[in-house]
């Protein structure tokens, strides 16, 4: 069984980063984080499956952020994400991973950074990619790509 202290050490930074993506002010984000851990502490006994701890914690966090905006309705406009469906575990993991990797990717040399950025853009096709390169590269890249089509049989 997890204790609130173990959960704090494991999730405090991750939750604060998540909350900051939804709330612009650091002081408010930290207040919300405190509220989240009060709820976790008071409701930890209601968690039925240990395997769902992560989802349970993020659900409490999302609900606490929503509560914050509801109570401050007259002071703030509700953000669009409140009306969007809740992200699943995979979306949360991708978001956290993105937060970790983005600073590292920015430090890469331009050609590697560009390759990663283009590979993540699913709307880019091979043709649109080679348009970014000089004509000599276009010819050789296109020839390589086409030869693979004809000789792969």
Protein backbone atom coordinates (compact mmCIF):
# COMPACT_ATOMS: atom_id res chain seq x y z
CA UNK A 1 0.00 0.00 0.00
CA UNK A 2 1.25 3.46 -0.88
CA UNK A 3 1.52 6.13 1.76
CA UNK A 4 0.91 9.80 1.09
CA UNK A 5 4.57 10.48 1.73
CA UNK A 6 5.71 7.96 -0.91
CA UNK A 7 3.18 9.35 -3.37
CA UNK A 8 4.42 12.89 -2.64
CA UNK A 9 8.03 11.95 -3.39
CA UNK A 10 7.10 10.10 -6.57
CA UNK A 11 4.47 12.42 -8.05
CA UNK A 12 4.95 15.93 -6.62
CA UNK A 13 7.12 17.29 -9.46
CA UNK A 14 5.13 15.54 -12.20
CA UNK A 15 1.81 16.81 -10.87
CA UNK A 16 3.10 20.34 -10.43
CA UNK A 17 4.32 20.35 -14.06
CA UNK A 18 0.94 19.00 -15.18
CA UNK A 19 -0.96 21.63 -13.15
CA UNK A 20 1.26 24.41 -14.54
CA UNK A 21 0.20 23.43 -18.06
CA UNK A 22 -3.39 24.17 -17.02
CA UNK A 23 -2.90 27.14 -14.66
CA UNK A 24 -0.73 30.13 -15.53
CA UNK A 25 0.19 31.33 -12.06
CA UNK A 26 2.81 29.42 -10.04
CA UNK A 27 1.31 30.29 -6.66
CA UNK A 28 -2.09 29.00 -7.71
CA UNK A 29 -0.51 25.86 -9.20
CA UNK A 30 1.22 25.15 -5.88
CA UNK A 31 -2.03 25.76 -3.96
CA UNK A 32 -3.83 23.31 -6.23
CA UNK A 33 -1.04 20.78 -5.71
CA UNK A 34 -1.52 21.07 -1.92
CA UNK A 35 -5.26 20.54 -2.34
CA UNK A 36 -4.59 17.49 -4.49
CA UNK A 37 -2.41 15.90 -1.82
CA UNK A 38 -4.94 16.65 0.90
CA UNK A 39 -7.52 14.78 -1.20
CA UNK A 40 -5.10 11.94 -1.88
CA UNK A 41 -4.34 11.64 1.82
CA UNK A 42 -7.98 11.66 2.86
CA UNK A 43 -9.13 9.27 0.09
CA UNK A 44 -6.22 6.85 -0.25
CA UNK A 45 -8.20 4.13 1.51
CA UNK A 46 -10.85 4.29 -1.24
CA UNK A 47 -8.35 3.19 -3.91
CA UNK A 48 -9.35 -0.37 -4.72
CA UNK A 49 -6.62 -1.36 -7.16
CA UNK A 50 -2.98 -0.41 -6.62
CA UNK A 51 -2.37 -0.73 -10.37
CA UNK A 52 -4.67 2.24 -10.98
CA UNK A 53 -2.87 4.59 -8.59
CA UNK A 54 -1.47 6.80 -11.34
CA UNK A 55 -4.83 7.23 -13.12
CA UNK A 56 -6.53 7.85 -9.79
CA UNK A 57 -4.02 10.57 -8.84
CA UNK A 58 -4.35 12.34 -12.19
CA UNK A 59 -8.14 12.15 -12.00
CA UNK A 60 -8.03 13.86 -8.59
CA UNK A 61 -5.67 16.46 -10.03
CA UNK A 62 -7.88 17.20 -13.05
CA UNK A 63 -10.96 17.46 -10.84
CA UNK A 64 -9.17 19.81 -8.43
CA UNK A 65 -8.12 22.07 -11.31
CA UNK A 66 -11.71 22.08 -12.60
CA UNK A 67 -12.94 22.92 -9.09
CA UNK A 68 -10.48 25.82 -8.99
CA UNK A 69 -11.87 27.28 -12.22
CA UNK A 70 -15.46 26.71 -11.13
CA UNK A 71 -14.99 28.56 -7.85
CA UNK A 72 -13.16 31.39 -9.62
CA UNK A 73 -15.67 31.53 -12.49
CA UNK A 74 -16.31 35.25 -12.08
CA UNK A 75 -12.59 36.03 -12.12
CA UNK A 76 -11.44 33.75 -14.96
CA UNK A 77 -12.75 32.52 -18.27
CA UNK A 78 -12.86 28.74 -18.30
CA UNK A 79 -10.11 27.31 -20.50
CA UNK A 80 -11.00 25.20 -23.53
CA UNK A 81 -9.40 22.05 -22.14
CA UNK A 82 -12.13 21.76 -19.50
CA UNK A 83 -14.58 20.79 -22.22
CA UNK A 84 -12.24 18.33 -23.88
CA UNK A 85 -12.32 14.62 -23.07
CA UNK A 86 -9.90 13.52 -20.38
CA UNK A 87 -6.60 12.16 -21.66
CA UNK A 88 -5.91 8.48 -21.20
CA UNK A 89 -2.80 7.11 -19.51
CA UNK A 90 -0.90 7.00 -22.80
CA UNK A 91 -1.59 10.69 -23.46
CA UNK A 92 -0.38 11.58 -19.97
CA UNK A 93 2.80 9.56 -20.45
CA UNK A 94 3.43 11.21 -23.85
CA UNK A 95 2.92 14.65 -22.30
CA UNK A 96 5.35 13.95 -19.45
CA UNK A 97 7.88 12.46 -21.84
CA UNK A 98 7.54 15.49 -24.08
CA UNK A 99 8.25 17.79 -21.13
CA UNK A 100 11.46 15.87 -20.43
CA UNK A 101 12.68 15.49 -24.01
CA UNK A 102 11.94 18.96 -25.41
CA UNK A 103 14.88 20.69 -23.68
CA UNK A 104 17.22 17.91 -24.81
CA UNK A 105 15.99 18.07 -28.41
CA UNK A 106 16.53 21.85 -28.45
CA UNK A 107 20.20 21.29 -27.61
CA UNK A 108 20.81 18.94 -30.54
CA UNK A 109 22.61 20.14 -33.67
CA UNK A 110 20.16 21.62 -36.16
CA UNK A 111 20.18 18.67 -38.63
CA UNK A 112 19.32 16.14 -35.89
CA UNK A 113 16.77 18.42 -34.27
CA UNK A 114 15.09 18.97 -37.65
CA UNK A 115 15.01 15.22 -38.33
CA UNK A 116 13.27 14.54 -35.02
CA UNK A 117 10.82 17.38 -35.46
CA UNK A 118 9.94 16.24 -38.98
CA UNK A 119 9.58 12.61 -37.92
CA UNK A 120 7.05 13.68 -35.27
CA UNK A 121 4.98 15.68 -37.76
CA UNK A 122 2.66 13.02 -39.18
CA UNK A 123 1.32 15.43 -41.82
CA UNK A 124 4.71 15.50 -43.58
CA UNK A 125 5.16 13.14 -46.51
CA UNK A 126 8.44 12.05 -48.04
CA UNK A 127 7.90 14.46 -50.95
CA UNK A 128 7.30 17.45 -48.66
CA UNK A 129 10.42 16.49 -46.69
CA UNK A 130 12.73 16.40 -49.71
CA UNK A 131 11.44 19.81 -50.82
CA UNK A 132 13.31 21.18 -47.79
CA UNK A 133 16.62 19.87 -49.12
CA UNK A 134 18.83 21.19 -51.95
CA UNK A 135 18.10 19.91 -55.53
CA UNK A 136 21.07 17.50 -55.57
CA UNK A 137 19.78 15.82 -52.41
CA UNK A 138 16.27 15.71 -53.85
CA UNK A 139 17.43 13.81 -56.92
CA UNK A 140 19.54 11.32 -54.98
CA UNK A 141 16.92 10.84 -52.25
CA UNK A 142 14.16 10.39 -54.79
CA UNK A 143 16.27 7.97 -56.80
CA UNK A 144 17.03 5.95 -53.66
CA UNK A 145 13.39 5.90 -52.65
CA UNK A 146 12.22 4.92 -56.15
CA UNK A 147 14.90 2.24 -56.55
CA UNK A 148 13.69 0.69 -53.33
CA UNK A 149 10.23 0.45 -54.85
CA UNK A 150 11.40 -1.29 -58.02
CA UNK A 151 14.06 -3.60 -56.63
CA UNK A 152 12.27 -4.68 -53.46
CA UNK A 153 10.36 -7.38 -55.35
